[in-house]
Amino acid sequence: EELLALIGERPPCVELVITGRRADPRIIEAADLVTEMREVKHYYQCGVPCRKGIES
C-alpha cells in the first residue's frame, strides 16, 4: 500500500526504479514501464555463493 501511494504521489519529473520478484499486479498496473528479466548466465552455476544483502 505504501509503495502504491508513493507511485501515485510522485511528481511528474521523478523517475522511480523498483526492483524485485513477484510484483503485485497493482504495482504493474500503476507503472509506466515494466521489464521482465530472465537469467542467461549466473555465477551460481560455477559454485559462487550468494552475497548477503544482495541475493539473500
N, C-alpha and C. Protein backbone atom coordinates (compact mmCIF):
# COMPACT_ATOMS: atom_id res chain seq x y z
N GLU A 1 0.82 -1.19 0.00
CA GLU A 1 0.00 0.00 0.00
C GLU A 1 0.87 1.26 0.00
N GLU A 2 1.95 1.25 0.79
CA GLU A 2 2.84 2.42 0.84
C GLU A 2 3.49 2.68 -0.51
N LEU A 3 3.91 1.61 -1.18
CA LEU A 3 4.55 1.76 -2.48
C LEU A 3 3.56 2.30 -3.51
N LEU A 4 2.35 1.82 -3.49
CA LEU A 4 1.33 2.32 -4.41
C LEU A 4 1.07 3.81 -4.17
N ALA A 5 1.05 4.21 -2.91
CA ALA A 5 0.86 5.62 -2.58
C ALA A 5 2.03 6.45 -3.10
N LEU A 6 3.25 5.95 -2.92
CA LEU A 6 4.44 6.65 -3.40
C LEU A 6 4.39 6.82 -4.92
N ILE A 7 4.02 5.77 -5.62
CA ILE A 7 3.92 5.85 -7.09
C ILE A 7 2.88 6.90 -7.48
N GLY A 8 1.76 6.90 -6.81
CA GLY A 8 0.68 7.82 -7.14
C GLY A 8 0.97 9.27 -6.80
N GLU A 9 1.82 9.51 -5.80
CA GLU A 9 2.09 10.87 -5.33
C GLU A 9 3.36 11.48 -5.91
N ARG A 10 4.13 10.72 -6.66
CA ARG A 10 5.40 11.25 -7.16
C ARG A 10 5.17 12.37 -8.16
N PRO A 11 6.03 13.38 -8.12
CA PRO A 11 5.94 14.46 -9.11
C PRO A 11 6.26 13.91 -10.51
N PRO A 12 5.72 14.51 -11.55
CA PRO A 12 5.94 14.03 -12.91
C PRO A 12 7.42 13.97 -13.31
N CYS A 13 8.25 14.81 -12.70
CA CYS A 13 9.67 14.85 -13.07
C CYS A 13 10.50 13.79 -12.34
N VAL A 14 9.87 12.99 -11.48
CA VAL A 14 10.59 11.98 -10.69
C VAL A 14 10.46 10.61 -11.36
N GLU A 15 11.60 9.96 -11.53
CA GLU A 15 11.64 8.60 -12.07
C GLU A 15 11.85 7.63 -10.92
N LEU A 16 11.02 6.61 -10.80
CA LEU A 16 11.19 5.57 -9.78
C LEU A 16 11.66 4.29 -10.47
N VAL A 17 12.65 3.65 -9.88
CA VAL A 17 13.10 2.35 -10.35
C VAL A 17 12.85 1.37 -9.21
N ILE A 18 11.98 0.42 -9.42
CA ILE A 18 11.58 -0.54 -8.39
C ILE A 18 11.97 -1.92 -8.88
N THR A 19 12.71 -2.64 -8.06
CA THR A 19 13.15 -3.98 -8.45
C THR A 19 12.57 -5.02 -7.51
N GLY A 20 12.61 -6.26 -7.93
CA GLY A 20 12.17 -7.34 -7.07
C GLY A 20 11.44 -8.41 -7.86
N ARG A 21 11.02 -9.40 -7.14
CA ARG A 21 10.32 -10.54 -7.74
C ARG A 21 8.85 -10.51 -7.36
N ARG A 22 8.05 -11.19 -8.17
CA ARG A 22 6.63 -11.38 -7.89
C ARG A 22 5.92 -10.06 -7.58
N ALA A 23 6.00 -9.13 -8.52
CA ALA A 23 5.37 -7.83 -8.33
C ALA A 23 3.86 -7.96 -8.21
N ASP A 24 3.31 -7.22 -7.30
CA ASP A 24 1.87 -7.15 -7.14
C ASP A 24 1.27 -6.60 -8.44
N PRO A 25 0.22 -7.19 -8.95
CA PRO A 25 -0.39 -6.71 -10.20
C PRO A 25 -0.78 -5.23 -10.13
N ARG A 26 -1.10 -4.73 -8.95
CA ARG A 26 -1.46 -3.31 -8.82
C ARG A 26 -0.26 -2.41 -9.10
N ILE A 27 0.93 -2.86 -8.72
CA ILE A 27 2.14 -2.09 -8.98
C ILE A 27 2.44 -2.09 -10.47
N ILE A 28 2.29 -3.24 -11.11
CA ILE A 28 2.49 -3.32 -12.56
C ILE A 28 1.51 -2.40 -13.28
N GLU A 29 0.29 -2.37 -12.84
CA GLU A 29 -0.73 -1.51 -13.45
C GLU A 29 -0.38 -0.03 -13.27
N ALA A 30 0.15 0.34 -12.12
CA ALA A 30 0.48 1.74 -11.83
C ALA A 30 1.76 2.20 -12.54
N ALA A 31 2.59 1.27 -12.95
CA ALA A 31 3.88 1.61 -13.56
C ALA A 31 3.73 2.10 -14.99
N ASP A 32 4.67 2.94 -15.42
CA ASP A 32 4.72 3.39 -16.81
C ASP A 32 5.52 2.41 -17.68
N LEU A 33 6.47 1.71 -17.07
CA LEU A 33 7.34 0.79 -17.79
C LEU A 33 7.61 -0.41 -16.90
N VAL A 34 7.44 -1.61 -17.44
CA VAL A 34 7.71 -2.85 -16.70
C VAL A 34 8.60 -3.71 -17.58
N THR A 35 9.71 -4.17 -17.01
CA THR A 35 10.64 -5.04 -17.72
C THR A 35 10.75 -6.35 -16.98
N GLU A 36 10.69 -7.45 -17.70
CA GLU A 36 10.87 -8.77 -17.10
C GLU A 36 12.21 -9.32 -17.57
N MET A 37 13.05 -9.70 -16.63
CA MET A 37 14.38 -10.21 -16.96
C MET A 37 14.40 -11.72 -16.80
N ARG A 38 15.29 -12.36 -17.55
CA ARG A 38 15.48 -13.79 -17.38
C ARG A 38 16.97 -14.07 -17.30
N GLU A 39 17.31 -15.08 -16.56
CA GLU A 39 18.70 -15.47 -16.39
C GLU A 39 19.21 -16.17 -17.64
N VAL A 40 20.35 -15.73 -18.13
CA VAL A 40 21.03 -16.39 -19.23
C VAL A 40 22.26 -17.10 -18.70
N LYS A 41 22.99 -16.42 -17.83
CA LYS A 41 24.19 -16.98 -17.23
C LYS A 41 24.32 -16.39 -15.83
N HIS A 42 24.70 -17.20 -14.87
CA HIS A 42 24.83 -16.73 -13.50
C HIS A 42 26.02 -17.41 -12.84
N TYR A 43 26.73 -16.66 -12.01
CA TYR A 43 27.90 -17.23 -11.33
C TYR A 43 27.53 -18.33 -10.33
N TYR A 44 26.28 -18.45 -9.94
CA TYR A 44 25.86 -19.58 -9.10
C TYR A 44 26.20 -20.90 -9.79
N GLN A 45 26.10 -20.91 -11.11
CA GLN A 45 26.35 -22.13 -11.89
C GLN A 45 27.80 -22.60 -11.75
N CYS A 46 28.68 -21.69 -11.33
CA CYS A 46 30.10 -22.03 -11.12
C CYS A 46 30.41 -22.28 -9.65
N GLY A 47 29.38 -22.31 -8.80
CA GLY A 47 29.57 -22.60 -7.39
C GLY A 47 29.81 -21.38 -6.52
N VAL A 48 29.69 -20.17 -7.05
CA VAL A 48 29.88 -18.96 -6.26
C VAL A 48 28.64 -18.78 -5.37
N PRO A 49 28.82 -18.61 -4.05
CA PRO A 49 27.67 -18.48 -3.16
C PRO A 49 27.00 -17.11 -3.29
N CYS A 50 25.76 -17.03 -2.80
CA CYS A 50 25.04 -15.76 -2.83
C CYS A 50 25.70 -14.76 -1.88
N ARG A 51 25.52 -13.48 -2.18
CA ARG A 51 26.08 -12.41 -1.36
C ARG A 51 25.01 -11.90 -0.40
N LYS A 52 25.37 -11.81 0.86
CA LYS A 52 24.42 -11.36 1.89
C LYS A 52 23.95 -9.94 1.56
N GLY A 53 22.66 -9.75 1.58
CA GLY A 53 22.08 -8.45 1.30
C GLY A 53 21.88 -8.16 -0.18
N ILE A 54 22.42 -9.00 -1.05
CA ILE A 54 22.23 -8.81 -2.49
C ILE A 54 21.30 -9.89 -3.03
N GLU A 55 21.71 -11.13 -2.95
CA GLU A 55 20.88 -12.23 -3.44
C GLU A 55 20.15 -12.97 -2.32
N SER A 56 20.54 -12.73 -1.09
CA SER A 56 19.88 -13.45 0.02
C SER A 56 19.14 -12.51 0.92
